[in-house]
Amino acid sequence: MITNSDLTEIDLRSHLLNVCDSEYEANLLWLEFIRASTDKPNGGQFASKAQEWLQHICGCYQVWIDRLENHDGPRFSDLDSEFESVHKKLKDYVAHCDLNSLLESKDKERWSALSIIQHMQSHGSYHRGHLRALAEFHGLEDWPETDYLYFAPVE
């Protein structure tokens, strides 16, 4: 078993970059599934709510990236462009940031860049779980499998 002391900052940064890629791919798979579901029974109802969840995921990524970079980034009218933009910005940030730098909130809470990056990634996964439950509720099957291990590089 690998312990924290066995991990170097390069290993951690590399891992975070891989997770960024898996988040991006997982979101695109769900976007594709949502679009394809509109022709299925109950698919329209599912797609309407599911699109809102996916927009929420992307919007949260953008808000946190804006906070990390201390400026507002561009917004797009379509999720494909928005996800691509936040993916590129997050990967660039992760590749070059000081993972231990602290960000202070309006409420004077302080978080490290590493904690925020981890939060962003787990938040997306959490809400993709909502998408799966929503698909099941509407009787849809064959939803995408988007757990991290399906994207993790083989060691």
Protein backbone atom coordinates (compact mmCIF):
# COMPACT_ATOMS: atom_id res chain seq x y z
CA MET A 1 0.00 0.00 0.00
CA ILE A 2 1.27 3.46 -0.88
CA THR A 3 1.37 5.92 1.99
CA ASN A 4 1.34 9.70 1.87
CA SER A 5 5.06 9.78 2.62
CA ASP A 6 5.68 7.69 -0.52
CA LEU A 7 4.02 10.26 -2.74
CA THR A 8 6.05 13.11 -4.12
CA GLU A 9 4.58 16.41 -5.22
CA ILE A 10 5.21 15.37 -8.84
CA ASP A 11 3.24 12.15 -8.29
CA LEU A 12 0.42 14.09 -6.67
CA ARG A 13 0.34 16.72 -9.41
CA SER A 14 0.37 14.00 -12.07
CA HIS A 15 -2.50 12.24 -10.30
CA LEU A 16 -4.51 15.47 -10.08
CA LEU A 17 -3.98 16.07 -13.80
CA ASN A 18 -5.23 12.54 -14.54
CA VAL A 19 -8.30 13.18 -12.40
CA CYS A 20 -8.91 16.44 -14.30
CA ASP A 21 -8.94 14.44 -17.53
CA SER A 22 -11.27 11.81 -16.08
CA GLU A 23 -13.67 14.51 -14.84
CA TYR A 24 -13.76 16.06 -18.30
CA GLU A 25 -14.36 12.73 -20.04
CA ALA A 26 -17.02 11.70 -17.50
CA ASN A 27 -18.92 14.96 -18.00
CA LEU A 28 -18.78 14.61 -21.79
CA LEU A 29 -20.08 11.05 -21.57
CA TRP A 30 -23.03 12.24 -19.52
CA LEU A 31 -23.66 15.12 -21.90
CA GLU A 32 -23.74 12.65 -24.79
CA PHE A 33 -26.07 10.33 -22.85
CA ILE A 34 -28.43 13.20 -22.00
CA ARG A 35 -28.64 14.29 -25.62
CA ALA A 36 -29.28 10.74 -26.83
CA SER A 37 -31.98 10.15 -24.20
CA THR A 38 -34.44 12.69 -25.58
CA ASP A 39 -35.80 10.15 -28.10
CA LYS A 40 -36.47 7.51 -25.43
CA PRO A 41 -39.59 7.13 -23.28
CA ASN A 42 -39.33 9.60 -20.36
CA GLY A 43 -36.08 10.83 -21.89
CA GLY A 44 -37.30 14.38 -22.37
CA GLN A 45 -38.18 14.75 -18.71
CA PHE A 46 -34.85 13.25 -17.72
CA ALA A 47 -32.87 15.40 -20.15
CA SER A 48 -34.38 18.64 -18.93
CA LYS A 49 -33.41 18.08 -15.28
CA ALA A 50 -30.14 16.32 -16.10
CA GLN A 51 -29.01 19.26 -18.23
CA GLU A 52 -29.52 21.51 -15.18
CA TRP A 53 -27.30 19.24 -13.05
CA LEU A 54 -24.58 19.22 -15.69
CA GLN A 55 -24.75 23.01 -15.97
CA HIS A 56 -24.44 23.18 -12.17
CA ILE A 57 -21.31 20.99 -12.24
CA CYS A 58 -19.72 23.13 -14.93
CA GLY A 59 -20.74 26.37 -13.24
CA CYS A 60 -19.16 25.26 -9.97
CA TYR A 61 -15.92 24.41 -11.74
CA GLN A 62 -15.91 27.88 -13.29
CA VAL A 63 -16.59 29.66 -9.99
CA TRP A 64 -13.75 27.84 -8.24
CA ILE A 65 -11.32 28.41 -11.11
CA ASP A 66 -12.24 32.11 -11.05
CA ARG A 67 -11.48 32.19 -7.31
CA LEU A 68 -8.21 30.31 -7.69
CA GLU A 69 -7.05 32.59 -10.51
CA ASN A 70 -8.53 35.68 -8.87
CA HIS A 71 -10.46 36.83 -11.95
CA ASP A 72 -13.62 36.02 -13.88
CA GLY A 73 -13.25 33.74 -16.86
CA PRO A 74 -15.39 33.72 -19.99
CA ARG A 75 -18.79 32.06 -20.07
CA PHE A 76 -20.12 30.12 -23.05
CA SER A 77 -23.59 29.44 -24.35
CA ASP A 78 -23.03 25.70 -24.79
CA LEU A 79 -21.80 23.07 -22.37
CA ASP A 80 -19.32 21.54 -24.81
CA SER A 81 -17.35 24.79 -25.00
CA GLU A 82 -17.78 25.53 -21.30
CA PHE A 83 -16.48 22.10 -20.21
CA GLU A 84 -13.56 22.35 -22.63
CA SER A 85 -12.67 25.81 -21.34
CA VAL A 86 -12.80 24.90 -17.64
CA HIS A 87 -10.90 21.67 -18.31
CA LYS A 88 -8.05 23.53 -19.99
CA LYS A 89 -7.95 26.23 -17.31
CA LEU A 90 -8.03 23.74 -14.46
CA LYS A 91 -5.28 21.59 -15.98
CA ASP A 92 -3.11 24.65 -16.54
CA TYR A 93 -3.72 25.79 -12.97
CA VAL A 94 -2.97 22.34 -11.51
CA ALA A 95 0.20 22.03 -13.60
CA HIS A 96 1.66 25.31 -12.36
CA CYS A 97 0.11 26.26 -9.01
CA ASP A 98 1.51 26.07 -5.53
CA LEU A 99 -0.68 23.29 -4.16
CA ASN A 100 -0.16 24.61 -0.62
CA SER A 101 -1.18 28.21 -1.37
CA LEU A 102 -4.16 29.37 0.66
CA LEU A 103 -7.37 30.99 -0.53
CA GLU A 104 -9.46 32.95 1.93
CA SER A 105 -13.22 33.07 1.58
CA LYS A 106 -15.51 36.00 2.35
CA ASP A 107 -16.22 34.28 5.69
CA LYS A 108 -12.47 34.18 6.45
CA GLU A 109 -12.31 30.42 5.91
CA ARG A 110 -8.96 29.34 4.45
CA TRP A 111 -8.39 26.42 2.10
CA SER A 112 -5.34 25.19 0.26
CA ALA A 113 -5.34 25.04 -3.52
CA LEU A 114 -5.03 21.26 -3.18
CA SER A 115 -8.18 21.07 -1.02
CA ILE A 116 -10.14 23.20 -3.49
CA ILE A 117 -9.01 21.07 -6.43
CA GLN A 118 -10.01 17.90 -4.56
CA HIS A 119 -13.36 19.48 -3.67
CA MET A 120 -14.04 20.40 -7.30
CA GLN A 121 -13.37 16.86 -8.44
CA SER A 122 -15.42 15.15 -5.75
CA HIS A 123 -18.27 17.65 -6.23
CA GLY A 124 -18.56 16.70 -9.91
CA SER A 125 -18.58 13.01 -9.07
CA TYR A 126 -21.22 13.57 -6.39
CA HIS A 127 -23.58 15.26 -8.84
CA ARG A 128 -22.99 12.68 -11.58
CA GLY A 129 -24.40 10.26 -9.01
CA HIS A 130 -27.55 12.38 -9.09
CA LEU A 131 -27.63 11.99 -12.87
CA ARG A 132 -27.47 8.21 -12.56
CA ALA A 133 -30.26 8.15 -9.98
CA LEU A 134 -32.34 10.45 -12.18
CA ALA A 135 -31.78 8.18 -15.20
CA GLU A 136 -32.85 5.14 -13.18
CA PHE A 137 -35.94 6.97 -11.91
CA HIS A 138 -36.98 7.70 -15.50
CA GLY A 139 -36.41 4.09 -16.55
CA LEU A 140 -33.33 4.82 -18.65
CA GLU A 141 -30.58 2.24 -18.90
CA ASP A 142 -27.10 2.05 -20.37
CA TRP A 143 -25.96 5.24 -18.63
CA PRO A 144 -22.23 5.85 -18.81
CA GLU A 145 -19.95 4.34 -16.21
CA THR A 146 -17.91 7.30 -15.03
CA ASP A 147 -16.19 6.18 -11.83
CA TYR A 148 -12.57 7.32 -11.76
CA LEU A 149 -11.11 3.80 -12.06
CA TYR A 150 -12.59 3.48 -15.56
CA PHE A 151 -10.35 6.37 -16.61
CA ALA A 152 -7.33 5.81 -14.37
CA PRO A 153 -4.08 5.09 -16.13
CA VAL A 154 -2.85 1.53 -15.79
CA GLU A 155 0.22 1.45 -13.60
